Amino acid sequence: MDDKEIKKFIEGALFISGRNLCIEELARICALGNLGKVRQIAELLKKEYDDRDCAIKIFVDEGKYVMDIRENLKDKISNISAYPEMTKGMLKTLGFIAYHQPIKQADVFKNLGYVYEHIKKLENLKFIESYRNKNYKILKTTKKFDGHFSLKALDLKANLKAKNEGSIFNYK
């Protein structure tokens, strides 16, 4: 595969993912084992976007690449996004639900406080779903959650269980 084709794969991956991608992930997408080559092409693509001075920019944060709208434009156009940015509180609520699912909504409130708006928005975004069990509303994540965050909620619990003793993820 030539450099032009690799650049197309990187650009497409950054565009469609909506999240930070590390060099290893980009290399896997390109089916290329040469991480240096992938980094070089990703940096070249970043420079091309910087030179064009367009609305879209490629940012590098802790060695991970993400394609996003320039900061000075976000306030004016973020409200039309299909996936509006989630607040830290929404992410905390989503993480708690993902870790403990299926979980009673009452238990989420008991541990995180009144987060009804977070739950409502997460349901509207289709990251969580609910169903009734007796007098309780039960919450769990959806396949969209798995796809958007590139992980399965069950894997999240297994990976965090030993690391988060005493954190928000542990409740009685």
N, C-alpha and C. Protein backbone atom coordinates (compact mmCIF):
# COMPACT_ATOMS: atom_id res chain seq x y z
N MET A 1 0.85 -1.17 0.00
CA MET A 1 0.00 0.00 0.00
C MET A 1 0.90 1.24 0.00
N ASP A 2 0.58 2.19 -0.87
CA ASP A 2 1.42 3.38 -0.96
C ASP A 2 0.98 4.42 0.09
N ASP A 3 1.80 5.46 0.28
CA ASP A 3 1.57 6.48 1.30
C ASP A 3 0.23 7.19 1.12
N LYS A 4 -0.16 7.42 -0.11
CA LYS A 4 -1.41 8.11 -0.40
C LYS A 4 -2.60 7.28 0.12
N GLU A 5 -2.54 5.99 -0.09
CA GLU A 5 -3.60 5.09 0.37
C GLU A 5 -3.62 5.01 1.89
N ILE A 6 -2.45 4.95 2.52
CA ILE A 6 -2.36 4.92 3.98
C ILE A 6 -2.97 6.20 4.55
N LYS A 7 -2.66 7.34 3.93
CA LYS A 7 -3.19 8.62 4.39
C LYS A 7 -4.72 8.62 4.32
N LYS A 8 -5.27 8.05 3.28
CA LYS A 8 -6.73 7.96 3.15
C LYS A 8 -7.34 7.13 4.28
N PHE A 9 -6.70 6.02 4.62
CA PHE A 9 -7.19 5.18 5.71
C PHE A 9 -7.14 5.94 7.03
N ILE A 10 -6.04 6.63 7.29
CA ILE A 10 -5.90 7.38 8.53
C ILE A 10 -6.94 8.49 8.61
N GLU A 11 -7.10 9.24 7.52
CA GLU A 11 -8.07 10.32 7.49
C GLU A 11 -9.49 9.79 7.70
N GLY A 12 -9.83 8.71 7.03
CA GLY A 12 -11.15 8.11 7.18
C GLY A 12 -11.39 7.61 8.60
N ALA A 13 -10.39 6.99 9.19
CA ALA A 13 -10.52 6.47 10.55
C ALA A 13 -10.73 7.61 11.54
N LEU A 14 -9.95 8.67 11.40
CA LEU A 14 -10.09 9.82 12.29
C LEU A 14 -11.45 10.49 12.12
N PHE A 15 -11.91 10.57 10.89
CA PHE A 15 -13.19 11.22 10.61
C PHE A 15 -14.35 10.43 11.22
N ILE A 16 -14.36 9.12 11.01
CA ILE A 16 -15.51 8.31 11.40
C ILE A 16 -15.52 7.93 12.88
N SER A 17 -14.34 7.86 13.50
CA SER A 17 -14.28 7.36 14.88
C SER A 17 -14.87 8.32 15.89
N GLY A 18 -14.62 9.61 15.73
CA GLY A 18 -15.11 10.57 16.71
C GLY A 18 -14.44 10.45 18.05
N ARG A 19 -13.30 9.81 18.10
CA ARG A 19 -12.56 9.65 19.35
C ARG A 19 -11.07 9.64 19.08
N ASN A 20 -10.27 9.69 20.13
CA ASN A 20 -8.82 9.65 19.99
C ASN A 20 -8.37 8.27 19.56
N LEU A 21 -7.45 8.23 18.60
CA LEU A 21 -6.90 6.95 18.12
C LEU A 21 -5.38 6.98 18.27
N CYS A 22 -4.83 5.94 18.87
CA CYS A 22 -3.38 5.87 19.02
C CYS A 22 -2.76 5.32 17.73
N ILE A 23 -1.46 5.44 17.63
CA ILE A 23 -0.73 4.99 16.43
C ILE A 23 -0.96 3.51 16.19
N GLU A 24 -0.99 2.72 17.26
CA GLU A 24 -1.20 1.28 17.10
C GLU A 24 -2.56 0.98 16.46
N GLU A 25 -3.60 1.72 16.88
CA GLU A 25 -4.92 1.52 16.28
C GLU A 25 -4.92 1.93 14.81
N LEU A 26 -4.29 3.06 14.52
CA LEU A 26 -4.21 3.52 13.13
C LEU A 26 -3.44 2.51 12.27
N ALA A 27 -2.36 1.97 12.81
CA ALA A 27 -1.57 0.97 12.08
C ALA A 27 -2.40 -0.29 11.82
N ARG A 28 -3.19 -0.69 12.80
CA ARG A 28 -4.04 -1.87 12.64
C ARG A 28 -5.09 -1.62 11.54
N ILE A 29 -5.65 -0.44 11.53
CA ILE A 29 -6.64 -0.09 10.52
C ILE A 29 -6.02 -0.11 9.12
N CYS A 30 -4.78 0.36 9.04
CA CYS A 30 -4.06 0.40 7.75
C CYS A 30 -3.43 -0.95 7.40
N ALA A 31 -3.51 -1.90 8.33
CA ALA A 31 -2.85 -3.20 8.16
C ALA A 31 -1.37 -3.01 7.88
N LEU A 32 -0.76 -2.15 8.69
CA LEU A 32 0.65 -1.81 8.51
C LEU A 32 1.37 -1.99 9.84
N GLY A 33 2.45 -2.72 9.84
CA GLY A 33 3.19 -2.98 11.06
C GLY A 33 4.23 -1.91 11.38
N ASN A 34 4.49 -1.02 10.47
CA ASN A 34 5.52 0.00 10.65
C ASN A 34 4.91 1.22 11.33
N LEU A 35 5.04 1.29 12.68
CA LEU A 35 4.43 2.38 13.44
C LEU A 35 5.05 3.73 13.09
N GLY A 36 6.34 3.74 12.81
CA GLY A 36 7.01 4.98 12.43
C GLY A 36 6.43 5.56 11.15
N LYS A 37 6.17 4.70 10.20
CA LYS A 37 5.57 5.13 8.93
C LYS A 37 4.17 5.70 9.15
N VAL A 38 3.37 5.03 9.98
CA VAL A 38 2.01 5.48 10.27
C VAL A 38 2.07 6.83 10.97
N ARG A 39 2.98 6.99 11.94
CA ARG A 39 3.12 8.26 12.66
C ARG A 39 3.53 9.37 11.70
N GLN A 40 4.48 9.07 10.81
CA GLN A 40 4.96 10.05 9.84
C GLN A 40 3.80 10.53 8.95
N ILE A 41 2.99 9.61 8.45
CA ILE A 41 1.88 9.97 7.57
C ILE A 41 0.79 10.70 8.35
N ALA A 42 0.53 10.30 9.59
CA ALA A 42 -0.46 10.99 10.42
C ALA A 42 -0.02 12.43 10.68
N GLU A 43 1.24 12.63 10.92
CA GLU A 43 1.77 13.98 11.14
C GLU A 43 1.69 14.81 9.86
N LEU A 44 1.94 14.19 8.73
CA LEU A 44 1.82 14.88 7.44
C LEU A 44 0.37 15.31 7.20
N LEU A 45 -0.56 14.43 7.49
CA LEU A 45 -1.97 14.74 7.35
C LEU A 45 -2.37 15.88 8.29
N LYS A 46 -1.88 15.84 9.52
CA LYS A 46 -2.14 16.91 10.49
C LYS A 46 -1.64 18.24 9.95
N LYS A 47 -0.44 18.24 9.40
CA LYS A 47 0.14 19.47 8.86
C LYS A 47 -0.69 19.99 7.68
N GLU A 48 -1.17 19.10 6.83
CA GLU A 48 -2.01 19.51 5.69
C GLU A 48 -3.27 20.23 6.17
N TYR A 49 -3.89 19.69 7.22
CA TYR A 49 -5.08 20.34 7.77
C TYR A 49 -4.73 21.69 8.40
N ASP A 50 -3.60 21.77 9.08
CA ASP A 50 -3.16 23.04 9.66
C ASP A 50 -2.90 24.08 8.57
N ASP A 51 -2.24 23.67 7.50
CA ASP A 51 -1.90 24.58 6.41
C ASP A 51 -3.13 25.08 5.67
N ARG A 52 -4.16 24.25 5.57
CA ARG A 52 -5.39 24.64 4.86
C ARG A 52 -6.20 25.65 5.65
N ASP A 53 -5.97 25.73 6.95
CA ASP A 53 -6.70 26.66 7.82
C ASP A 53 -8.20 26.53 7.62
N CYS A 54 -8.69 25.29 7.67
CA CYS A 54 -10.12 25.03 7.49
C CYS A 54 -10.78 24.79 8.85
N ALA A 55 -12.05 24.50 8.85
CA ALA A 55 -12.82 24.30 10.08
C ALA A 55 -12.37 23.06 10.84
N ILE A 56 -11.87 22.08 10.14
CA ILE A 56 -11.47 20.81 10.75
C ILE A 56 -9.97 20.84 11.04
N LYS A 57 -9.63 20.27 12.18
CA LYS A 57 -8.23 20.22 12.58
C LYS A 57 -7.95 18.84 13.17
N ILE A 58 -6.73 18.39 13.04
CA ILE A 58 -6.31 17.14 13.68
C ILE A 58 -5.48 17.53 14.89
N PHE A 59 -5.92 17.08 16.05
CA PHE A 59 -5.24 17.36 17.30
C PHE A 59 -4.49 16.11 17.76
N VAL A 60 -3.38 16.31 18.48
CA VAL A 60 -2.66 15.20 19.08
C VAL A 60 -2.68 15.43 20.59
N ASP A 61 -3.19 14.45 21.32
CA ASP A 61 -3.27 14.55 22.77
C ASP A 61 -2.71 13.28 23.37
N GLU A 62 -1.62 13.41 24.07
CA GLU A 62 -0.94 12.26 24.70
C GLU A 62 -0.67 11.15 23.69
N GLY A 63 -0.20 11.54 22.51
CA GLY A 63 0.16 10.57 21.48
C GLY A 63 -1.00 9.99 20.71
N LYS A 64 -2.20 10.48 20.96
CA LYS A 64 -3.38 10.00 20.26
C LYS A 64 -3.91 11.10 19.35
N TYR A 65 -4.39 10.69 18.18
CA TYR A 65 -4.87 11.62 17.18
C TYR A 65 -6.39 11.66 17.18
N VAL A 66 -6.93 12.87 16.97
CA VAL A 66 -8.38 13.03 16.88
C VAL A 66 -8.68 14.15 15.89
N MET A 67 -9.70 13.94 15.08
CA MET A 67 -10.15 14.96 14.14
C MET A 67 -11.34 15.65 14.79
N ASP A 68 -11.29 16.98 14.81
CA ASP A 68 -12.36 17.72 15.46
C ASP A 68 -12.49 19.10 14.81
N ILE A 69 -13.50 19.81 15.23
CA ILE A 69 -13.73 21.18 14.77
C ILE A 69 -12.81 22.11 15.56
N ARG A 70 -12.30 23.13 14.91
CA ARG A 70 -11.46 24.11 15.61
C ARG A 70 -12.23 24.72 16.77
N GLU A 71 -11.51 24.99 17.86
CA GLU A 71 -12.12 25.50 19.09
C GLU A 71 -12.97 26.75 18.88
N ASN A 72 -12.49 27.69 18.07
CA ASN A 72 -13.21 28.94 17.89
C ASN A 72 -14.56 28.77 17.17
N LEU A 73 -14.82 27.60 16.61
CA LEU A 73 -16.08 27.34 15.89
C LEU A 73 -17.04 26.47 16.68
N LYS A 74 -16.54 25.78 17.70
CA LYS A 74 -17.36 24.80 18.41
C LYS A 74 -18.65 25.37 18.98
N ASP A 75 -18.57 26.52 19.62
CA ASP A 75 -19.77 27.09 20.24
C ASP A 75 -20.86 27.39 19.21
N LYS A 76 -20.45 27.77 18.02
CA LYS A 76 -21.42 28.18 17.01
C LYS A 76 -22.06 27.01 16.27
N ILE A 77 -21.38 25.87 16.19
CA ILE A 77 -21.91 24.78 15.37
C ILE A 77 -22.10 23.45 16.10
N SER A 78 -21.67 23.35 17.35
CA SER A 78 -21.77 22.06 18.04
C SER A 78 -23.20 21.62 18.29
N ASN A 79 -24.14 22.57 18.32
CA ASN A 79 -25.53 22.21 18.59
C ASN A 79 -26.19 21.43 17.46
N ILE A 80 -25.58 21.36 16.28
CA ILE A 80 -26.17 20.60 15.19
C ILE A 80 -25.56 19.22 15.03
N SER A 81 -24.63 18.87 15.91
CA SER A 81 -23.95 17.58 15.86
C SER A 81 -24.92 16.44 16.16
N ALA A 82 -24.74 15.33 15.44
CA ALA A 82 -25.54 14.14 15.73
C ALA A 82 -25.17 13.55 17.09
N TYR A 83 -23.92 13.79 17.53
CA TYR A 83 -23.43 13.32 18.82
C TYR A 83 -22.90 14.51 19.61
N PRO A 84 -23.79 15.28 20.24
CA PRO A 84 -23.30 16.42 21.01
C PRO A 84 -22.33 15.95 22.08
N GLU A 85 -21.42 16.82 22.42
CA GLU A 85 -20.42 16.44 23.42
C GLU A 85 -21.08 16.13 24.74
N MET A 86 -20.59 15.10 25.37
CA MET A 86 -21.11 14.73 26.68
C MET A 86 -20.31 15.45 27.75
N THR A 87 -21.00 15.82 28.79
CA THR A 87 -20.33 16.46 29.92
C THR A 87 -19.60 15.39 30.73
N LYS A 88 -18.71 15.84 31.61
CA LYS A 88 -18.02 14.90 32.49
C LYS A 88 -19.02 14.16 33.37
N GLY A 89 -20.05 14.87 33.81
CA GLY A 89 -21.07 14.24 34.64
C GLY A 89 -21.80 13.14 33.90
N MET A 90 -22.12 13.39 32.63
CA MET A 90 -22.80 12.36 31.82
C MET A 90 -21.89 11.15 31.64
N LEU A 91 -20.61 11.40 31.40
CA LEU A 91 -19.66 10.29 31.23
C LEU A 91 -19.51 9.50 32.52
N LYS A 92 -19.51 10.20 33.65
CA LYS A 92 -19.43 9.52 34.95
C LYS A 92 -20.65 8.63 35.15
N THR A 93 -21.83 9.17 34.84
CA THR A 93 -23.07 8.41 34.97
C THR A 93 -23.05 7.20 34.03
N LEU A 94 -22.64 7.43 32.79
CA LEU A 94 -22.57 6.34 31.81
C LEU A 94 -21.59 5.26 32.26
N GLY A 95 -20.44 5.67 32.76
CA GLY A 95 -19.44 4.70 33.25
C GLY A 95 -19.97 3.88 34.42
N PHE A 96 -20.66 4.54 35.33
CA PHE A 96 -21.24 3.86 36.48
C PHE A 96 -22.26 2.82 36.04
N ILE A 97 -23.13 3.22 35.12
CA ILE A 97 -24.14 2.28 34.61
C ILE A 97 -23.48 1.12 33.89
N ALA A 98 -22.49 1.43 33.04
CA ALA A 98 -21.80 0.37 32.28
C ALA A 98 -21.13 -0.62 33.21
N TYR A 99 -20.53 -0.12 34.27
CA TYR A 99 -19.81 -0.99 35.20
C TYR A 99 -20.74 -1.90 35.99
N HIS A 100 -21.90 -1.37 36.39
CA HIS A 100 -22.80 -2.12 37.28
C HIS A 100 -24.01 -2.74 36.59
N GLN A 101 -24.10 -2.61 35.31
CA GLN A 101 -25.31 -3.06 34.63
C GLN A 101 -25.56 -4.55 34.77
N PRO A 102 -26.80 -4.94 34.72
CA PRO A 102 -27.99 -4.10 34.79
C PRO A 102 -28.12 -3.55 36.21
N ILE A 103 -28.53 -2.29 36.30
CA ILE A 103 -28.60 -1.61 37.60
C ILE A 103 -29.91 -0.85 37.72
N LYS A 104 -30.46 -0.83 38.93
CA LYS A 104 -31.69 -0.07 39.19
C LYS A 104 -31.36 1.42 39.11
N GLN A 105 -32.25 2.17 38.48
CA GLN A 105 -32.07 3.62 38.41
C GLN A 105 -31.97 4.21 39.82
N ALA A 106 -32.72 3.66 40.75
CA ALA A 106 -32.69 4.14 42.14
C ALA A 106 -31.29 3.98 42.74
N ASP A 107 -30.58 2.90 42.39
CA ASP A 107 -29.22 2.71 42.89
C ASP A 107 -28.25 3.72 42.28
N VAL A 108 -28.49 4.10 41.04
CA VAL A 108 -27.66 5.13 40.41
C VAL A 108 -27.87 6.44 41.18
N PHE A 109 -29.12 6.79 41.45
CA PHE A 109 -29.42 8.02 42.19
C PHE A 109 -28.80 7.98 43.59
N LYS A 110 -28.89 6.81 44.23
CA LYS A 110 -28.38 6.66 45.58
C LYS A 110 -26.87 6.92 45.64
N ASN A 111 -26.16 6.53 44.59
CA ASN A 111 -24.71 6.64 44.59
C ASN A 111 -24.18 7.91 43.93
N LEU A 112 -24.89 8.43 42.94
CA LEU A 112 -24.38 9.59 42.20
C LEU A 112 -25.20 10.85 42.43
N GLY A 113 -26.32 10.72 43.10
CA GLY A 113 -27.21 11.86 43.27
C GLY A 113 -28.25 11.87 42.18
N TYR A 114 -28.97 12.94 42.11
CA TYR A 114 -30.07 13.04 41.15
C TYR A 114 -29.49 13.32 39.77
N VAL A 115 -29.38 12.29 38.96
CA VAL A 115 -28.78 12.40 37.63
C VAL A 115 -29.81 12.07 36.54
N TYR A 116 -31.06 12.44 36.82
CA TYR A 116 -32.14 12.12 35.89
C TYR A 116 -31.86 12.71 34.50
N GLU A 117 -31.39 13.96 34.44
CA GLU A 117 -31.12 14.60 33.14
C GLU A 117 -30.05 13.84 32.37
N HIS A 118 -29.01 13.36 33.08
CA HIS A 118 -27.96 12.58 32.42
C HIS A 118 -28.55 11.31 31.82
N ILE A 119 -29.36 10.62 32.61
CA ILE A 119 -29.96 9.37 32.16
C ILE A 119 -30.87 9.61 30.96
N LYS A 120 -31.67 10.65 31.04
CA LYS A 120 -32.57 10.99 29.94
C LYS A 120 -31.77 11.27 28.66
N LYS A 121 -30.69 12.07 28.75
CA LYS A 121 -29.88 12.39 27.57
C LYS A 121 -29.17 11.14 27.04
N LEU A 122 -28.68 10.30 27.94
CA LEU A 122 -27.99 9.07 27.51
C LEU A 122 -28.95 8.11 26.82
N GLU A 123 -30.20 8.08 27.28
CA GLU A 123 -31.22 7.27 26.60
C GLU A 123 -31.54 7.87 25.23
N ASN A 124 -31.66 9.18 25.16
CA ASN A 124 -31.94 9.84 23.87
C ASN A 124 -30.81 9.62 22.87
N LEU A 125 -29.57 9.58 23.37
CA LEU A 125 -28.42 9.33 22.51
C LEU A 125 -28.27 7.84 22.19
N LYS A 126 -29.10 7.02 22.83
CA LYS A 126 -29.12 5.56 22.63
C LYS A 126 -27.86 4.86 23.14
N PHE A 127 -27.22 5.46 24.17
CA PHE A 127 -26.08 4.80 24.81
C PHE A 127 -26.54 3.87 25.93
N ILE A 128 -27.72 4.14 26.48
CA ILE A 128 -28.31 3.25 27.48
C ILE A 128 -29.76 3.01 27.12
N GLU A 129 -30.30 1.93 27.67
CA GLU A 129 -31.72 1.64 27.52
C GLU A 129 -32.25 1.21 28.88
N SER A 130 -33.55 1.28 29.02
CA SER A 130 -34.15 0.92 30.29
C SER A 130 -35.35 0.00 30.06
N TYR A 131 -35.67 -0.73 31.10
CA TYR A 131 -36.86 -1.57 31.10
C TYR A 131 -37.37 -1.67 32.53
N ARG A 132 -38.61 -2.04 32.67
CA ARG A 132 -39.24 -2.16 33.99
C ARG A 132 -39.09 -3.58 34.52
N ASN A 133 -38.77 -3.67 35.80
CA ASN A 133 -38.74 -4.94 36.51
C ASN A 133 -39.42 -4.69 37.86
N LYS A 134 -40.62 -5.16 37.99
CA LYS A 134 -41.47 -4.88 39.15
C LYS A 134 -41.65 -3.37 39.26
N ASN A 135 -41.24 -2.78 40.38
CA ASN A 135 -41.40 -1.33 40.57
C ASN A 135 -40.14 -0.55 40.22
N TYR A 136 -39.18 -1.20 39.60
CA TYR A 136 -37.90 -0.55 39.35
C TYR A 136 -37.65 -0.34 37.86
N LYS A 137 -36.95 0.73 37.58
CA LYS A 137 -36.46 0.97 36.22
C LYS A 137 -35.02 0.47 36.19
N ILE A 138 -34.74 -0.45 35.30
CA ILE A 138 -33.41 -1.06 35.17
C ILE A 138 -32.69 -0.43 33.97
N LEU A 139 -31.42 -0.09 34.18
CA LEU A 139 -30.62 0.54 33.14
C LEU A 139 -29.49 -0.36 32.69
N LYS A 140 -29.20 -0.32 31.40
CA LYS A 140 -28.05 -1.05 30.86
C LYS A 140 -27.59 -0.36 29.58
N THR A 141 -26.36 -0.64 29.19
CA THR A 141 -25.82 -0.02 27.97
C THR A 141 -26.32 -0.75 26.73
N THR A 142 -26.15 -0.10 25.60
CA THR A 142 -26.61 -0.65 24.32
C THR A 142 -25.42 -1.06 23.46
N LYS A 143 -25.72 -1.65 22.32
CA LYS A 143 -24.67 -1.98 21.35
C LYS A 143 -24.01 -0.72 20.82
N LYS A 144 -24.77 0.36 20.76
CA LYS A 144 -24.19 1.63 20.31
C LYS A 144 -23.08 2.06 21.27
N PHE A 145 -23.28 1.85 22.58
CA PHE A 145 -22.24 2.16 23.56
C PHE A 145 -20.97 1.38 23.23
N ASP A 146 -21.14 0.06 23.02
CA ASP A 146 -19.99 -0.80 22.71
C ASP A 146 -19.25 -0.29 21.47
N GLY A 147 -20.00 0.04 20.43
CA GLY A 147 -19.38 0.48 19.18
C GLY A 147 -18.74 1.85 19.29
N HIS A 148 -19.41 2.78 19.96
CA HIS A 148 -18.91 4.15 20.05
C HIS A 148 -17.63 4.23 20.87
N PHE A 149 -17.57 3.47 21.96
CA PHE A 149 -16.40 3.52 22.83
C PHE A 149 -15.42 2.38 22.54
N SER A 150 -15.69 1.61 21.51
CA SER A 150 -14.82 0.50 21.09
C SER A 150 -14.48 -0.44 22.24
N LEU A 151 -15.48 -0.74 23.05
CA LEU A 151 -15.30 -1.72 24.12
C LEU A 151 -16.65 -2.27 24.51
N LYS A 152 -16.62 -3.42 25.10
CA LYS A 152 -17.85 -4.00 25.62
C LYS A 152 -17.92 -3.66 27.09
N ALA A 153 -19.11 -3.33 27.56
CA ALA A 153 -19.28 -2.93 28.95
C ALA A 153 -18.79 -4.02 29.90
N LEU A 154 -18.96 -5.28 29.53
CA LEU A 154 -18.48 -6.37 30.38
C LEU A 154 -16.97 -6.35 30.49
N ASP A 155 -16.27 -6.00 29.39
CA ASP A 155 -14.81 -5.89 29.42
C ASP A 155 -14.40 -4.73 30.33
N LEU A 156 -15.17 -3.65 30.31
CA LEU A 156 -14.89 -2.50 31.16
C LEU A 156 -14.86 -2.94 32.62
N LYS A 157 -15.86 -3.69 33.02
CA LYS A 157 -15.94 -4.13 34.41
C LYS A 157 -14.75 -5.02 34.77
N ALA A 158 -14.41 -5.94 33.89
CA ALA A 158 -13.28 -6.83 34.16
C ALA A 158 -11.97 -6.06 34.28
N ASN A 159 -11.77 -5.06 33.40
CA ASN A 159 -10.53 -4.29 33.40
C ASN A 159 -10.42 -3.34 34.57
N LEU A 160 -11.52 -2.80 35.05
CA LEU A 160 -11.48 -1.81 36.11
C LEU A 160 -11.67 -2.37 37.51
N LYS A 161 -12.16 -3.58 37.60
CA LYS A 161 -12.54 -4.14 38.90
C LYS A 161 -11.40 -4.07 39.91
N ALA A 162 -10.24 -4.54 39.56
CA ALA A 162 -9.12 -4.56 40.50
C ALA A 162 -8.52 -3.17 40.73
N LYS A 163 -8.67 -2.28 39.76
CA LYS A 163 -8.02 -0.97 39.83
C LYS A 163 -8.81 0.07 40.60
N ASN A 164 -10.09 -0.13 40.83
CA ASN A 164 -10.94 0.94 41.34
C ASN A 164 -11.55 0.66 42.71
N GLU A 165 -10.81 0.03 43.58
CA GLU A 165 -11.34 -0.19 44.92
C GLU A 165 -11.59 1.17 45.57
N GLY A 166 -12.78 1.37 46.09
CA GLY A 166 -13.12 2.62 46.76
C GLY A 166 -13.51 3.74 45.82
N SER A 167 -13.66 3.48 44.54
CA SER A 167 -14.02 4.53 43.60
C SER A 167 -15.53 4.59 43.44
N ILE A 168 -15.99 5.46 42.55
CA ILE A 168 -17.43 5.57 42.31
C ILE A 168 -18.00 4.29 41.74
N PHE A 169 -17.15 3.42 41.22
CA PHE A 169 -17.65 2.20 40.58
C PHE A 169 -18.02 1.14 41.61
N ASN A 170 -17.64 1.32 42.84
CA ASN A 170 -17.95 0.34 43.88
C ASN A 170 -18.98 0.92 44.83
N TYR A 171 -20.08 0.24 44.96
CA TYR A 171 -21.11 0.68 45.88
C TYR A 171 -21.72 -0.53 46.54
N LYS A 172 -22.42 -0.29 47.61
CA LYS A 172 -23.07 -1.38 48.34
C LYS A 172 -24.56 -1.28 48.16
